[in-house]
Amino acid sequence: MALDQSFVGRSYPPTEPYEVGREKIREFAEAVGDLNPAYVDPDAAKALGHSDVIAPPTFVFAITYKAAGEVVADPQLGLDYSRVVHGDQKFAYNRPVRAGDRLTVTSTIESIRSMAGNDILDIRGEVHDEAGEHVVTAWTKLVARGAEEA
C-alpha cells in the first residue's frame, strides 16, 4: 500500500539533546577506519582552529537516523519497517560537530514517492546545537520494498 502523500512536509518535534563525547568520536573514527588526528587528539584539532576534537562527517548519522525513527514509527504513516532498506544518505555542514556539542534533530518528511512497487521516503534531519545554531542537515532515503506477489 502506497504511503500517504499528505505526510510530505510534516515535521516531528526536536529530539532530546545528544551530548557529543570525545570517546564516542574516537570510537566512531576507529570503527570507520579514519584516524585523522583531529578526531582523536585535542591538540591536533586545536592546531586546525577547532575548540576540541571534531567528528568524522558521517558521525551524525547515528543521531539523525535515530531521530528518523520517530517518523518511521508514526502509526498514521503506515510504513512497514520490516520491509525497509536504507537507500541513501547525504550531509550538508555549516560547521563540524565538536566534542561537547549538545545536538538536537528535527525530522521532516521531504518526499514520498512510489517506484516499481516500492515506497521511497526522504527524511531531512536539521541538526542544531544548544545555542540554536544550525550545524548540519542530513538527508536519509528509506526504501520500503513492495510485497511480493503470491
Protein backbone atom coordinates (compact mmCIF):
# COMPACT_ATOMS: atom_id res chain seq x y z
CA MET A 1 0.00 0.00 0.00
CA ALA A 2 1.40 3.40 -1.00
CA LEU A 3 2.32 5.85 1.74
CA ASP A 4 0.07 8.87 2.23
CA GLN A 5 1.36 11.89 0.24
CA SER A 6 -0.25 14.25 2.76
CA PHE A 7 2.67 13.49 5.10
CA VAL A 8 5.10 15.38 2.84
CA GLY A 9 6.22 18.46 4.76
CA ARG A 10 5.28 17.05 8.16
CA SER A 11 7.86 17.82 10.85
CA TYR A 12 8.35 15.98 14.12
CA PRO A 13 9.38 17.58 17.44
CA PRO A 14 13.10 18.00 18.13
CA THR A 15 14.86 15.14 19.86
CA GLU A 16 16.24 15.37 23.35
CA PRO A 17 19.79 16.79 23.28
CA TYR A 18 22.59 14.35 22.46
CA GLU A 19 25.90 15.25 24.08
CA VAL A 20 28.82 14.51 21.78
CA GLY A 21 31.74 13.00 23.71
CA ARG A 22 35.39 12.64 22.79
CA GLU A 23 35.27 8.91 23.41
CA LYS A 24 32.23 8.45 21.14
CA ILE A 25 34.05 10.35 18.39
CA ARG A 26 37.19 8.24 18.87
CA GLU A 27 35.20 5.01 18.82
CA PHE A 28 33.35 6.06 15.67
CA ALA A 29 36.58 7.12 13.92
CA GLU A 30 38.15 3.76 14.77
CA ALA A 31 35.06 1.88 13.61
CA VAL A 32 35.13 3.57 10.19
CA GLY A 33 38.93 3.30 9.96
CA ASP A 34 39.60 7.05 9.83
CA LEU A 35 42.14 8.09 12.44
CA ASN A 36 42.53 11.69 11.34
CA PRO A 37 44.35 13.29 14.29
CA ALA A 38 41.62 15.98 14.56
CA TYR A 39 39.20 13.18 15.51
CA VAL A 40 41.27 11.79 18.39
CA ASP A 41 43.77 14.39 19.57
CA PRO A 42 42.54 17.69 21.11
CA ASP A 43 45.87 19.40 20.39
CA ALA A 44 45.73 18.39 16.71
CA ALA A 45 42.16 19.69 16.48
CA LYS A 46 43.14 22.97 18.17
CA ALA A 47 46.06 23.37 15.74
CA LEU A 48 43.42 23.33 12.97
CA GLY A 49 41.38 26.04 14.70
CA HIS A 50 38.81 23.85 16.47
CA SER A 51 37.96 24.17 20.17
CA ASP A 52 38.11 20.39 20.70
CA VAL A 53 38.22 17.18 18.68
CA ILE A 54 35.81 17.09 15.75
CA ALA A 55 33.72 14.18 14.50
CA PRO A 56 34.07 12.44 11.14
CA PRO A 57 31.45 13.69 8.65
CA THR A 58 29.22 10.62 8.93
CA PHE A 59 29.15 10.66 12.75
CA VAL A 60 25.80 12.47 12.86
CA PHE A 61 24.16 9.54 11.06
CA ALA A 62 23.78 7.86 14.46
CA ILE A 63 21.64 10.66 15.85
CA THR A 64 19.79 11.63 12.66
CA TYR A 65 18.84 8.04 11.90
CA LYS A 66 17.58 7.60 15.45
CA ALA A 67 15.52 10.80 15.04
CA ALA A 68 14.14 9.49 11.73
CA GLY A 69 12.91 6.52 13.76
CA GLU A 70 10.12 8.74 15.10
CA VAL A 71 8.91 9.22 11.53
CA VAL A 72 9.20 5.51 10.81
CA ALA A 73 7.27 4.62 13.98
CA ASP A 74 4.41 7.03 13.24
CA PRO A 75 1.44 4.63 13.01
CA GLN A 76 -0.51 7.09 10.84
CA LEU A 77 2.23 6.99 8.18
CA GLY A 78 1.74 3.24 7.82
CA LEU A 79 5.32 2.32 6.94
CA ASP A 80 6.10 -1.40 7.30
CA TYR A 81 9.62 -1.17 8.74
CA SER A 82 10.20 -4.91 8.26
CA ARG A 83 10.38 -4.16 4.53
CA VAL A 84 12.66 -1.08 4.79
CA VAL A 85 16.21 -0.83 3.50
CA HIS A 86 18.48 2.20 3.76
CA GLY A 87 18.71 3.73 0.30
CA ASP A 88 20.99 6.76 0.61
CA GLN A 89 22.48 9.29 2.98
CA LYS A 90 23.96 12.75 2.47
CA PHE A 91 25.05 15.66 4.65
CA ALA A 92 25.48 19.43 4.27
CA TYR A 93 27.56 21.01 7.03
CA ASN A 94 27.69 24.57 8.35
CA ARG A 95 30.45 23.57 10.76
CA PRO A 96 31.99 20.35 12.10
CA VAL A 97 30.45 18.52 15.04
CA ARG A 98 32.68 19.01 18.09
CA ALA A 99 33.14 17.18 21.36
CA GLY A 100 30.94 18.91 23.91
CA ASP A 101 28.19 19.81 21.43
CA ARG A 102 24.64 19.16 22.64
CA LEU A 103 22.70 18.45 19.48
CA THR A 104 19.01 18.12 18.69
CA VAL A 105 17.46 16.87 15.47
CA THR A 106 14.18 17.94 13.90
CA SER A 107 12.99 15.47 11.24
CA THR A 108 10.79 16.44 8.30
CA ILE A 109 9.34 14.22 5.59
CA GLU A 110 10.68 15.82 2.44
CA SER A 111 9.16 13.50 -0.15
CA ILE A 112 7.25 10.27 -0.63
CA ARG A 113 7.09 8.52 -3.96
CA SER A 114 6.39 5.09 -5.38
CA MET A 115 8.62 3.39 -7.91
CA ALA A 116 8.41 -0.16 -9.22
CA GLY A 117 6.09 -1.16 -6.37
CA ASN A 118 8.37 0.30 -3.69
CA ASP A 119 7.73 3.33 -1.47
CA ILE A 120 10.63 5.78 -1.23
CA LEU A 121 10.69 8.09 1.76
CA ASP A 122 13.09 11.03 2.04
CA ILE A 123 13.59 12.44 5.54
CA ARG A 124 15.53 15.64 6.24
CA GLY A 125 17.12 15.99 9.67
CA GLU A 126 18.06 19.51 10.77
CA VAL A 127 20.72 19.38 13.49
CA HIS A 128 21.15 22.33 15.85
CA ASP A 129 23.36 22.94 18.86
CA GLU A 130 22.03 24.11 22.20
CA ALA A 131 22.50 27.77 21.20
CA GLY A 132 20.15 27.12 18.27
CA GLU A 133 22.94 27.31 15.68
CA HIS A 134 22.37 25.14 12.62
CA VAL A 135 25.22 22.61 12.44
CA VAL A 136 24.30 20.17 9.67
CA THR A 137 21.43 18.91 7.54
CA ALA A 138 21.23 15.17 6.91
CA TRP A 139 19.04 13.51 4.30
CA THR A 140 18.06 9.87 4.75
CA LYS A 141 16.41 7.88 1.98
CA LEU A 142 14.45 4.80 3.04
CA VAL A 143 13.02 2.29 0.60
CA ALA A 144 10.08 0.14 1.68
CA ARG A 145 10.18 -2.85 -0.61
CA GLY A 146 6.85 -3.80 -2.11
CA ALA A 147 5.21 -7.03 -1.01
CA GLU A 148 5.96 -9.93 -3.30
CA GLU A 149 3.06 -11.31 -5.29
CA ALA A 150 1.94 -14.79 -4.23
